């Protein structure tokens, strides 16, 4: 599968069970370069799970996405925005690097009650790695705003990389809960890292 396949499956308006055992990168690099207006719209998520649908994503391989354009007009807001119901599991890793210093920069971002419906997120086994490789910024594995998250197992990695005094405070976390909602952690590893540059 490739990025287009993954985006189409997660955004389709039907309940979908998606297995990714092999991933083909375009451009010859060891990661998928994300470009504004090609892979995503500026200040938006790359992929949006639609309201009212349940998606199960099973990762059996490692996948690495990087928003490589550094213009302020080409910011990637988050990678997956969950407006439906998302279950993510598997033995693989989903890694994402962002190109903004003022967006959620979350691999999975969700808000409570989209179109009157809850947006639950369940995570097990999989690794969500928000270690940053493009610019000196931060990344969250999960940013949940007024919504519920259940972590059964797996590894969630948050990261912050700031060079010099370009940003006043370094903020980093593996899971961020904004306003309200519940985060239930039954197992797994939560890790936050910090360094001075990408």
N, C-alpha and C. Protein backbone atom coordinates (compact mmCIF):
# COMPACT_ATOMS: atom_id res chain seq x y z
N UNK A 1 0.83 -1.19 0.00
CA UNK A 1 0.00 0.00 0.00
C UNK A 1 0.88 1.25 0.00
N UNK A 2 0.27 2.41 -0.24
CA UNK A 2 0.99 3.67 -0.22
C UNK A 2 0.13 4.72 0.49
N UNK A 3 0.60 5.97 0.49
CA UNK A 3 -0.10 7.03 1.19
C UNK A 3 -1.52 7.21 0.64
N UNK A 4 -1.67 7.22 -0.67
CA UNK A 4 -2.98 7.41 -1.28
C UNK A 4 -3.95 6.31 -0.85
N UNK A 5 -3.47 5.07 -0.78
CA UNK A 5 -4.32 3.95 -0.35
C UNK A 5 -4.77 4.14 1.10
N UNK A 6 -3.82 4.52 1.96
CA UNK A 6 -4.13 4.69 3.38
C UNK A 6 -5.13 5.83 3.58
N UNK A 7 -4.91 6.94 2.91
CA UNK A 7 -5.80 8.09 3.02
C UNK A 7 -7.21 7.74 2.53
N UNK A 8 -7.29 7.06 1.39
CA UNK A 8 -8.60 6.70 0.83
C UNK A 8 -9.36 5.77 1.76
N UNK A 9 -8.67 4.80 2.35
CA UNK A 9 -9.34 3.83 3.23
C UNK A 9 -9.82 4.49 4.52
N UNK A 10 -9.00 5.36 5.11
CA UNK A 10 -9.39 5.99 6.36
C UNK A 10 -10.45 7.07 6.16
N UNK A 11 -10.52 7.66 4.98
CA UNK A 11 -11.49 8.73 4.73
C UNK A 11 -12.77 8.24 4.06
N UNK A 12 -12.83 6.97 3.67
CA UNK A 12 -14.02 6.46 3.01
C UNK A 12 -15.21 6.47 3.96
N UNK A 13 -16.39 6.72 3.42
CA UNK A 13 -17.60 6.80 4.26
C UNK A 13 -18.25 5.42 4.38
N UNK A 14 -17.51 4.55 5.07
CA UNK A 14 -17.97 3.21 5.40
C UNK A 14 -17.07 2.70 6.53
N UNK A 15 -17.58 1.76 7.30
CA UNK A 15 -16.75 1.13 8.33
C UNK A 15 -15.70 0.29 7.62
N UNK A 16 -14.45 0.44 8.03
CA UNK A 16 -13.35 -0.19 7.30
C UNK A 16 -12.36 -0.83 8.25
N UNK A 17 -11.91 -2.04 7.89
CA UNK A 17 -10.83 -2.73 8.61
C UNK A 17 -9.62 -2.71 7.69
N UNK A 18 -8.56 -2.01 8.09
CA UNK A 18 -7.42 -1.76 7.22
C UNK A 18 -6.18 -2.44 7.79
N UNK A 19 -5.53 -3.26 6.99
CA UNK A 19 -4.28 -3.90 7.40
C UNK A 19 -3.17 -3.38 6.50
N UNK A 20 -2.11 -2.85 7.11
CA UNK A 20 -0.95 -2.37 6.36
C UNK A 20 0.24 -3.23 6.76
N UNK A 21 0.63 -4.17 5.88
CA UNK A 21 1.77 -5.05 6.13
C UNK A 21 3.01 -4.64 5.35
N UNK A 22 2.80 -3.80 4.34
CA UNK A 22 3.91 -3.36 3.50
C UNK A 22 3.56 -1.96 3.00
N UNK A 23 4.55 -1.06 2.99
CA UNK A 23 4.28 0.32 2.58
C UNK A 23 5.34 0.77 1.59
N UNK A 24 4.88 1.35 0.49
CA UNK A 24 5.79 1.82 -0.55
C UNK A 24 5.88 3.34 -0.50
N UNK A 25 7.11 3.83 -0.30
CA UNK A 25 7.35 5.27 -0.29
C UNK A 25 7.57 5.77 -1.72
N UNK A 26 7.13 6.98 -1.98
CA UNK A 26 7.42 7.61 -3.28
C UNK A 26 8.68 8.44 -3.15
N UNK A 27 9.38 8.65 -4.23
CA UNK A 27 10.53 9.54 -4.23
C UNK A 27 11.85 8.93 -3.82
N UNK A 28 11.88 7.66 -3.45
CA UNK A 28 13.15 6.98 -3.21
C UNK A 28 13.75 7.15 -1.83
N UNK A 29 13.14 7.96 -0.96
CA UNK A 29 13.68 8.12 0.41
C UNK A 29 13.15 7.00 1.29
N UNK A 30 13.70 6.89 2.48
CA UNK A 30 13.25 5.89 3.44
C UNK A 30 12.07 6.36 4.25
N UNK A 31 11.37 7.39 3.76
CA UNK A 31 10.18 7.92 4.41
C UNK A 31 9.33 8.60 3.34
N UNK A 32 8.07 8.87 3.67
CA UNK A 32 7.18 9.54 2.73
C UNK A 32 7.22 11.05 2.98
N UNK A 33 7.63 11.80 1.97
CA UNK A 33 7.62 13.26 2.06
C UNK A 33 6.20 13.76 1.84
N UNK A 34 5.72 14.58 2.78
CA UNK A 34 4.38 15.14 2.66
C UNK A 34 4.48 16.58 2.18
N UNK A 35 3.77 16.88 1.07
CA UNK A 35 3.79 18.21 0.48
C UNK A 35 2.40 18.84 0.55
N UNK A 36 2.37 20.12 0.93
CA UNK A 36 1.12 20.87 0.97
C UNK A 36 0.52 20.93 -0.44
N UNK A 37 -0.80 20.82 -0.49
CA UNK A 37 -1.59 20.82 -1.73
C UNK A 37 -1.44 19.55 -2.56
N UNK A 38 -0.59 18.66 -2.10
CA UNK A 38 -0.47 17.35 -2.75
C UNK A 38 -0.97 16.27 -1.79
N UNK A 39 -0.42 16.28 -0.58
CA UNK A 39 -0.80 15.29 0.43
C UNK A 39 -1.78 15.85 1.46
N UNK A 40 -1.80 17.16 1.62
CA UNK A 40 -2.67 17.78 2.62
C UNK A 40 -2.92 19.23 2.25
N UNK A 41 -3.94 19.83 2.87
CA UNK A 41 -4.25 21.24 2.72
C UNK A 41 -3.63 21.99 3.89
N UNK A 42 -3.10 23.18 3.66
CA UNK A 42 -2.44 23.96 4.71
C UNK A 42 -3.35 24.13 5.92
N UNK A 43 -2.76 24.02 7.11
CA UNK A 43 -3.46 24.18 8.39
C UNK A 43 -4.57 23.16 8.59
N UNK A 44 -4.43 22.00 7.99
CA UNK A 44 -5.41 20.92 8.12
C UNK A 44 -4.68 19.60 8.39
N UNK A 45 -5.46 18.62 8.79
CA UNK A 45 -4.91 17.27 8.95
C UNK A 45 -4.67 16.65 7.58
N UNK A 46 -3.71 15.75 7.52
CA UNK A 46 -3.46 15.04 6.27
C UNK A 46 -4.61 14.08 5.95
N UNK A 47 -5.13 13.44 7.00
CA UNK A 47 -6.19 12.43 6.85
C UNK A 47 -7.27 12.70 7.89
N UNK A 48 -8.54 12.61 7.50
CA UNK A 48 -9.64 12.81 8.45
C UNK A 48 -10.57 11.59 8.44
N UNK A 49 -10.70 10.95 9.58
CA UNK A 49 -11.68 9.86 9.73
C UNK A 49 -13.05 10.51 9.84
N UNK A 50 -13.99 10.17 8.94
CA UNK A 50 -15.28 10.88 8.91
C UNK A 50 -16.19 10.53 10.09
N UNK A 51 -17.00 11.50 10.47
CA UNK A 51 -17.95 11.32 11.56
C UNK A 51 -18.95 10.21 11.24
N UNK A 52 -19.24 9.39 12.25
CA UNK A 52 -20.24 8.35 12.11
C UNK A 52 -19.72 7.02 11.60
N UNK A 53 -18.40 6.91 11.38
CA UNK A 53 -17.83 5.67 10.84
C UNK A 53 -16.72 5.15 11.75
N UNK A 54 -16.61 3.83 11.81
CA UNK A 54 -15.58 3.19 12.62
C UNK A 54 -14.47 2.66 11.72
N UNK A 55 -13.24 3.03 12.05
CA UNK A 55 -12.08 2.57 11.31
C UNK A 55 -11.16 1.79 12.24
N UNK A 56 -10.71 0.65 11.78
CA UNK A 56 -9.71 -0.14 12.49
C UNK A 56 -8.47 -0.21 11.61
N UNK A 57 -7.36 0.31 12.10
CA UNK A 57 -6.10 0.32 11.38
C UNK A 57 -5.11 -0.58 12.09
N UNK A 58 -4.66 -1.62 11.39
CA UNK A 58 -3.68 -2.56 11.94
C UNK A 58 -2.37 -2.37 11.18
N UNK A 59 -1.34 -1.91 11.88
CA UNK A 59 -0.04 -1.68 11.26
C UNK A 59 0.88 -2.86 11.53
N UNK A 60 1.28 -3.53 10.47
CA UNK A 60 2.21 -4.64 10.59
C UNK A 60 3.59 -4.29 10.11
N UNK A 61 3.83 -3.02 9.82
CA UNK A 61 5.14 -2.55 9.36
C UNK A 61 5.37 -1.14 9.88
N UNK A 62 6.58 -0.64 9.69
CA UNK A 62 6.91 0.71 10.12
C UNK A 62 6.65 1.69 8.98
N UNK A 63 6.01 2.81 9.30
CA UNK A 63 5.69 3.83 8.31
C UNK A 63 6.11 5.18 8.86
N UNK A 64 6.83 5.96 8.03
CA UNK A 64 7.40 7.24 8.46
C UNK A 64 6.95 8.34 7.49
N UNK A 65 6.26 9.36 8.03
CA UNK A 65 5.80 10.49 7.22
C UNK A 65 6.47 11.77 7.72
N UNK A 66 6.88 12.64 6.78
CA UNK A 66 7.53 13.88 7.18
C UNK A 66 7.03 15.05 6.32
N UNK A 67 6.47 16.06 6.98
CA UNK A 67 6.07 17.29 6.29
C UNK A 67 7.33 18.11 6.06
N UNK A 68 7.78 18.18 4.82
CA UNK A 68 9.13 18.66 4.54
C UNK A 68 9.23 20.14 4.15
N UNK A 69 8.09 20.79 3.87
CA UNK A 69 8.14 22.20 3.48
C UNK A 69 8.07 23.08 4.73
N UNK A 70 8.93 24.07 4.81
CA UNK A 70 9.04 24.86 6.04
C UNK A 70 8.39 26.24 5.95
N UNK A 71 7.70 26.52 4.87
CA UNK A 71 7.00 27.80 4.76
C UNK A 71 5.85 27.87 5.76
N UNK A 72 5.65 29.04 6.42
CA UNK A 72 4.53 29.18 7.36
C UNK A 72 3.16 29.01 6.70
N UNK A 73 3.10 29.13 5.39
CA UNK A 73 1.84 28.96 4.68
C UNK A 73 1.56 27.50 4.31
N UNK A 74 2.43 26.58 4.72
CA UNK A 74 2.28 25.18 4.33
C UNK A 74 2.30 24.24 5.52
N UNK A 75 1.72 24.69 6.64
CA UNK A 75 1.78 23.93 7.87
C UNK A 75 0.83 22.73 7.86
N UNK A 76 1.34 21.61 8.34
CA UNK A 76 0.51 20.42 8.58
C UNK A 76 -0.02 20.51 10.00
N UNK A 77 -1.34 20.56 10.16
CA UNK A 77 -1.97 20.76 11.46
C UNK A 77 -1.83 19.53 12.35
N UNK A 78 -2.14 18.38 11.79
CA UNK A 78 -1.99 17.09 12.46
C UNK A 78 -1.98 16.03 11.36
N UNK A 79 -1.70 14.79 11.72
CA UNK A 79 -1.66 13.76 10.68
C UNK A 79 -3.03 13.13 10.49
N UNK A 80 -3.57 12.47 11.50
CA UNK A 80 -4.91 11.90 11.43
C UNK A 80 -5.82 12.68 12.37
N UNK A 81 -6.89 13.23 11.85
CA UNK A 81 -7.92 13.84 12.70
C UNK A 81 -9.07 12.85 12.81
N UNK A 82 -9.37 12.46 14.02
CA UNK A 82 -10.42 11.47 14.25
C UNK A 82 -11.75 12.17 14.53
N UNK A 83 -12.65 12.12 13.56
CA UNK A 83 -14.00 12.64 13.76
C UNK A 83 -15.01 11.51 13.89
N UNK A 84 -14.55 10.27 13.81
CA UNK A 84 -15.42 9.11 13.92
C UNK A 84 -15.02 8.26 15.11
N UNK A 85 -14.75 6.99 14.85
CA UNK A 85 -14.26 6.06 15.88
C UNK A 85 -13.04 5.37 15.30
N UNK A 86 -11.89 5.50 15.96
CA UNK A 86 -10.64 4.97 15.44
C UNK A 86 -10.03 3.98 16.41
N UNK A 87 -9.74 2.78 15.89
CA UNK A 87 -9.01 1.75 16.64
C UNK A 87 -7.71 1.52 15.90
N UNK A 88 -6.59 1.68 16.57
CA UNK A 88 -5.30 1.49 15.92
C UNK A 88 -4.47 0.50 16.73
N UNK A 89 -3.93 -0.50 16.02
CA UNK A 89 -3.17 -1.56 16.69
C UNK A 89 -2.12 -2.09 15.74
N UNK A 90 -1.43 -3.14 16.18
CA UNK A 90 -0.44 -3.80 15.33
C UNK A 90 0.95 -3.71 15.92
N UNK A 91 1.89 -4.40 15.29
CA UNK A 91 3.26 -4.47 15.78
C UNK A 91 4.17 -3.43 15.13
N UNK A 92 3.64 -2.61 14.23
CA UNK A 92 4.43 -1.63 13.52
C UNK A 92 4.48 -0.28 14.21
N UNK A 93 5.13 0.67 13.52
CA UNK A 93 5.30 2.03 14.03
C UNK A 93 4.75 3.03 13.04
N UNK A 94 3.98 3.99 13.54
CA UNK A 94 3.54 5.13 12.74
C UNK A 94 4.30 6.35 13.27
N UNK A 95 5.22 6.86 12.45
CA UNK A 95 6.05 8.01 12.83
C UNK A 95 5.70 9.20 11.95
N UNK A 96 5.60 10.39 12.55
CA UNK A 96 5.27 11.60 11.80
C UNK A 96 6.12 12.76 12.30
N UNK A 97 6.72 13.51 11.36
CA UNK A 97 7.44 14.74 11.67
C UNK A 97 6.67 15.92 11.09
N UNK A 98 6.56 16.99 11.87
CA UNK A 98 5.74 18.14 11.50
C UNK A 98 6.60 19.35 11.11
N UNK A 99 5.94 20.36 10.51
CA UNK A 99 6.65 21.53 10.01
C UNK A 99 6.09 22.83 10.60
N UNK A 100 5.50 22.76 11.77
CA UNK A 100 4.89 23.93 12.40
C UNK A 100 5.33 24.05 13.85
N UNK A 101 5.33 25.29 14.36
CA UNK A 101 5.61 25.51 15.78
C UNK A 101 4.38 26.03 16.53
N UNK A 102 3.20 26.04 15.86
CA UNK A 102 2.01 26.55 16.54
C UNK A 102 0.73 25.78 16.21
N UNK A 103 0.88 24.54 15.77
CA UNK A 103 -0.26 23.65 15.52
C UNK A 103 -0.23 22.52 16.54
N UNK A 104 -1.28 21.71 16.64
CA UNK A 104 -1.23 20.58 17.57
C UNK A 104 -0.07 19.61 17.32
N UNK A 105 0.34 19.45 16.04
CA UNK A 105 1.46 18.56 15.72
C UNK A 105 1.27 17.18 16.34
N UNK A 106 0.08 16.63 16.15
CA UNK A 106 -0.24 15.34 16.74
C UNK A 106 -0.41 14.27 15.66
N UNK A 107 0.10 13.09 15.92
CA UNK A 107 -0.13 11.97 15.00
C UNK A 107 -1.63 11.70 14.92
N UNK A 108 -2.29 11.68 16.08
CA UNK A 108 -3.75 11.56 16.10
C UNK A 108 -4.31 12.73 16.91
N UNK A 109 -5.19 13.49 16.29
CA UNK A 109 -5.84 14.64 16.92
C UNK A 109 -7.34 14.40 16.88
N UNK A 110 -8.00 14.69 18.00
CA UNK A 110 -9.45 14.48 18.00
C UNK A 110 -10.14 15.47 18.90
N UNK A 111 -11.40 15.75 18.55
CA UNK A 111 -12.25 16.64 19.33
C UNK A 111 -13.51 15.89 19.71
N UNK A 112 -14.13 16.33 20.80
CA UNK A 112 -15.32 15.67 21.33
C UNK A 112 -16.58 16.11 20.58
N UNK A 113 -17.43 15.13 20.31
CA UNK A 113 -18.76 15.35 19.75
C UNK A 113 -18.74 16.14 18.44
N UNK A 114 -18.16 15.54 17.44
CA UNK A 114 -18.24 16.07 16.09
C UNK A 114 -19.61 15.70 15.54
N UNK A 115 -20.35 16.69 15.07
CA UNK A 115 -21.71 16.47 14.57
C UNK A 115 -22.58 15.72 15.58
N UNK A 116 -22.39 16.03 16.87
CA UNK A 116 -23.20 15.42 17.91
C UNK A 116 -22.80 14.02 18.31
N UNK A 117 -21.68 13.51 17.77
CA UNK A 117 -21.26 12.14 18.05
C UNK A 117 -19.92 12.14 18.77
N UNK A 118 -19.74 11.18 19.71
CA UNK A 118 -18.46 11.02 20.37
C UNK A 118 -17.42 10.52 19.35
N UNK A 119 -16.14 10.76 19.68
CA UNK A 119 -15.05 10.35 18.78
C UNK A 119 -14.03 9.52 19.56
N UNK A 120 -14.37 8.30 19.94
CA UNK A 120 -13.45 7.51 20.77
C UNK A 120 -12.22 7.02 19.99
N UNK A 121 -11.13 6.87 20.72
CA UNK A 121 -9.87 6.38 20.16
C UNK A 121 -9.36 5.25 21.04
N UNK A 122 -9.03 4.11 20.43
CA UNK A 122 -8.46 2.97 21.15
C UNK A 122 -7.12 2.60 20.53
N UNK A 123 -6.11 2.42 21.39
CA UNK A 123 -4.75 2.14 20.94
C UNK A 123 -4.26 0.87 21.63
N UNK A 124 -3.68 -0.05 20.86
CA UNK A 124 -3.06 -1.24 21.45
C UNK A 124 -1.90 -1.72 20.59
N UNK A 125 -0.83 -2.11 21.25
CA UNK A 125 0.38 -2.70 20.68
C UNK A 125 1.21 -1.75 19.83
N UNK A 126 0.59 -0.98 18.98
CA UNK A 126 1.28 -0.16 18.00
C UNK A 126 2.18 0.89 18.67
N UNK A 127 3.18 1.37 17.92
CA UNK A 127 4.01 2.48 18.36
C UNK A 127 3.63 3.73 17.57
N UNK A 128 3.34 4.81 18.28
CA UNK A 128 3.11 6.12 17.68
C UNK A 128 4.29 6.99 18.07
N UNK A 129 5.12 7.35 17.09
CA UNK A 129 6.39 8.02 17.35
C UNK A 129 6.38 9.43 16.76
N UNK A 130 6.32 10.43 17.62
CA UNK A 130 6.30 11.82 17.17
C UNK A 130 7.67 12.48 17.29
N UNK A 131 8.74 11.70 17.23
CA UNK A 131 10.09 12.26 17.21
C UNK A 131 10.26 13.11 15.96
N UNK A 132 10.77 14.33 16.12
CA UNK A 132 10.83 15.30 15.03
C UNK A 132 12.16 15.27 14.28
N UNK A 133 12.08 15.23 12.92
CA UNK A 133 13.27 15.12 12.09
C UNK A 133 13.40 16.22 11.05
N UNK A 134 12.41 17.12 10.95
CA UNK A 134 12.43 18.13 9.88
C UNK A 134 12.88 19.49 10.38
N UNK A 135 12.16 20.04 11.36
CA UNK A 135 12.54 21.32 11.94
C UNK A 135 12.57 21.19 13.46
N UNK A 136 13.07 22.21 14.12
CA UNK A 136 13.11 22.20 15.58
C UNK A 136 11.73 22.58 16.11
N UNK A 137 10.93 21.58 16.41
CA UNK A 137 9.57 21.79 16.89
C UNK A 137 9.20 20.65 17.84
N UNK A 138 7.93 20.50 18.12
CA UNK A 138 7.44 19.47 19.04
C UNK A 138 6.49 18.53 18.30
N UNK A 139 6.23 17.39 18.90
CA UNK A 139 5.26 16.46 18.34
C UNK A 139 4.59 15.67 19.44
N UNK A 140 3.29 15.45 19.29
CA UNK A 140 2.50 14.65 20.23
C UNK A 140 2.09 13.35 19.55
N UNK A 141 2.08 12.27 20.28
CA UNK A 141 1.50 11.04 19.75
C UNK A 141 0.00 11.20 19.62
N UNK A 142 -0.63 11.74 20.68
CA UNK A 142 -2.08 11.94 20.70
C UNK A 142 -2.39 13.30 21.32
N UNK A 143 -3.26 14.06 20.68
CA UNK A 143 -3.79 15.31 21.23
C UNK A 143 -5.31 15.16 21.24
N UNK A 144 -5.87 15.04 22.43
CA UNK A 144 -7.30 14.79 22.56
C UNK A 144 -7.98 15.97 23.23
N UNK A 145 -8.96 16.54 22.55
CA UNK A 145 -9.67 17.71 23.05
C UNK A 145 -11.11 17.32 23.35
N UNK A 146 -11.43 17.25 24.66
CA UNK A 146 -12.79 16.89 25.07
C UNK A 146 -13.23 15.54 24.51
N UNK A 147 -12.34 14.57 24.47
CA UNK A 147 -12.71 13.28 23.92
C UNK A 147 -12.03 12.18 24.72
N UNK A 148 -12.39 10.93 24.43
CA UNK A 148 -11.91 9.79 25.22
C UNK A 148 -10.86 8.98 24.48
N UNK A 149 -9.84 8.59 25.24
CA UNK A 149 -8.74 7.78 24.71
C UNK A 149 -8.56 6.56 25.61
N UNK A 150 -8.43 5.40 24.99
CA UNK A 150 -8.15 4.17 25.73
C UNK A 150 -6.85 3.58 25.21
N UNK A 151 -5.86 3.47 26.08
CA UNK A 151 -4.55 2.90 25.71
C UNK A 151 -4.41 1.57 26.41
N UNK A 152 -4.47 0.49 25.63
CA UNK A 152 -4.36 -0.84 26.19
C UNK A 152 -2.93 -1.31 26.29
N UNK A 153 -2.13 -0.96 25.28
CA UNK A 153 -0.71 -1.33 25.24
C UNK A 153 -0.08 -0.53 24.12
N UNK A 154 1.19 -0.80 23.86
CA UNK A 154 1.89 -0.08 22.81
C UNK A 154 2.86 0.94 23.38
N UNK A 155 3.44 1.74 22.48
CA UNK A 155 4.41 2.77 22.87
C UNK A 155 4.02 4.09 22.23
N UNK A 156 3.89 5.12 23.04
CA UNK A 156 3.56 6.46 22.55
C UNK A 156 4.70 7.40 22.90
N UNK A 157 5.24 8.06 21.87
CA UNK A 157 6.43 8.90 22.05
C UNK A 157 6.12 10.33 21.64
N UNK A 158 6.31 11.25 22.59
CA UNK A 158 6.22 12.68 22.30
C UNK A 158 7.62 13.25 22.27
N UNK A 159 7.79 14.40 21.59
CA UNK A 159 9.14 14.91 21.39
C UNK A 159 9.14 16.43 21.32
N UNK A 160 10.23 17.05 21.77
CA UNK A 160 10.40 18.49 21.62
C UNK A 160 11.84 18.77 21.24
N UNK A 161 12.01 19.56 20.16
CA UNK A 161 13.34 19.97 19.73
C UNK A 161 13.31 21.46 19.42
N UNK A 162 13.98 22.24 20.25
CA UNK A 162 14.05 23.68 20.03
C UNK A 162 15.51 24.11 19.97
N UNK A 163 15.85 24.86 18.93
CA UNK A 163 17.21 25.34 18.76
C UNK A 163 17.35 26.73 19.37
N UNK A 164 18.34 26.92 20.24
CA UNK A 164 18.60 28.23 20.82
C UNK A 164 17.41 28.77 21.58
N UNK A 165 17.13 30.06 21.40
CA UNK A 165 16.02 30.72 22.10
C UNK A 165 14.89 31.05 21.14
N UNK A 166 14.75 30.30 20.05
CA UNK A 166 13.74 30.63 19.05
C UNK A 166 12.32 30.47 19.60
N UNK A 167 12.13 29.60 20.57
CA UNK A 167 10.84 29.43 21.22
C UNK A 167 11.07 29.54 22.73
N UNK A 168 10.20 30.26 23.40
CA UNK A 168 10.43 30.56 24.81
C UNK A 168 10.46 29.30 25.67
N UNK A 169 9.49 28.43 25.49
CA UNK A 169 9.39 27.25 26.35
C UNK A 169 9.26 25.98 25.51
N UNK A 170 9.94 24.95 25.91
CA UNK A 170 9.83 23.66 25.24
C UNK A 170 8.70 22.86 25.87
N UNK A 171 7.74 22.46 25.06
CA UNK A 171 6.60 21.70 25.55
C UNK A 171 6.61 20.35 24.86
N UNK A 172 6.60 19.31 25.62
CA UNK A 172 6.57 17.99 25.01
C UNK A 172 5.83 17.01 25.89
N UNK A 173 5.11 16.11 25.24
CA UNK A 173 4.32 15.12 25.96
C UNK A 173 3.94 14.03 24.98
N UNK A 174 3.74 12.83 25.47
CA UNK A 174 3.29 11.76 24.58
C UNK A 174 1.79 11.85 24.34
N UNK A 175 1.02 12.21 25.37
CA UNK A 175 -0.44 12.35 25.24
C UNK A 175 -0.86 13.65 25.89
N UNK A 176 -1.62 14.46 25.18
CA UNK A 176 -2.12 15.70 25.74
C UNK A 176 -3.64 15.68 25.75
N UNK A 177 -4.22 16.02 26.89
CA UNK A 177 -5.67 16.10 27.05
C UNK A 177 -6.03 17.56 27.27
N UNK A 178 -6.82 18.11 26.36
CA UNK A 178 -7.21 19.51 26.41
C UNK A 178 -8.66 19.62 26.86
N UNK A 179 -8.94 20.50 27.80
CA UNK A 179 -10.27 20.73 28.36
C UNK A 179 -10.71 19.54 29.21
N UNK A 180 -11.43 18.59 28.65
CA UNK A 180 -11.91 17.46 29.44
C UNK A 180 -11.85 16.19 28.61
N UNK A 181 -12.52 15.16 29.07
CA UNK A 181 -12.42 13.86 28.42
C UNK A 181 -11.62 12.92 29.30
N UNK A 182 -11.61 11.66 28.96
CA UNK A 182 -10.93 10.65 29.77
C UNK A 182 -9.81 9.99 28.98
N UNK A 183 -8.68 9.77 29.66
CA UNK A 183 -7.61 8.94 29.12
C UNK A 183 -7.45 7.77 30.07
N UNK A 184 -7.78 6.57 29.58
CA UNK A 184 -7.65 5.35 30.38
C UNK A 184 -6.44 4.57 29.88
N UNK A 185 -5.46 4.40 30.74
CA UNK A 185 -4.22 3.70 30.38
C UNK A 185 -4.18 2.37 31.14
N UNK A 186 -4.19 1.28 30.41
CA UNK A 186 -4.18 -0.05 31.01
C UNK A 186 -2.81 -0.72 30.88
N UNK A 187 -1.96 -0.18 30.03
CA UNK A 187 -0.63 -0.75 29.83
C UNK A 187 0.11 0.06 28.79
N UNK A 188 1.28 -0.43 28.41
CA UNK A 188 2.06 0.23 27.38
C UNK A 188 3.13 1.14 27.96
N UNK A 189 3.82 1.84 27.07
CA UNK A 189 4.91 2.72 27.44
C UNK A 189 4.62 4.12 26.91
N UNK A 190 4.67 5.11 27.78
CA UNK A 190 4.52 6.51 27.41
C UNK A 190 5.86 7.19 27.62
N UNK A 191 6.40 7.82 26.57
CA UNK A 191 7.73 8.39 26.68
C UNK A 191 7.79 9.75 26.02
N UNK A 192 8.41 10.72 26.68
CA UNK A 192 8.62 12.04 26.12
C UNK A 192 10.12 12.31 26.07
N UNK A 193 10.57 12.87 24.94
CA UNK A 193 11.99 13.15 24.76
C UNK A 193 12.19 14.63 24.44
N UNK A 194 13.38 15.12 24.68
CA UNK A 194 13.70 16.51 24.40
C UNK A 194 15.17 16.64 24.02
N UNK A 195 15.44 17.45 23.01
CA UNK A 195 16.81 17.76 22.61
C UNK A 195 16.82 19.14 21.97
N UNK A 196 17.96 19.59 21.49
CA UNK A 196 18.06 20.97 21.02
C UNK A 196 17.83 21.17 19.54
N UNK A 197 17.89 20.13 18.73
CA UNK A 197 17.66 20.33 17.30
C UNK A 197 17.21 19.06 16.62
N UNK A 198 16.54 19.25 15.47
CA UNK A 198 16.03 18.11 14.70
C UNK A 198 17.18 17.45 13.95
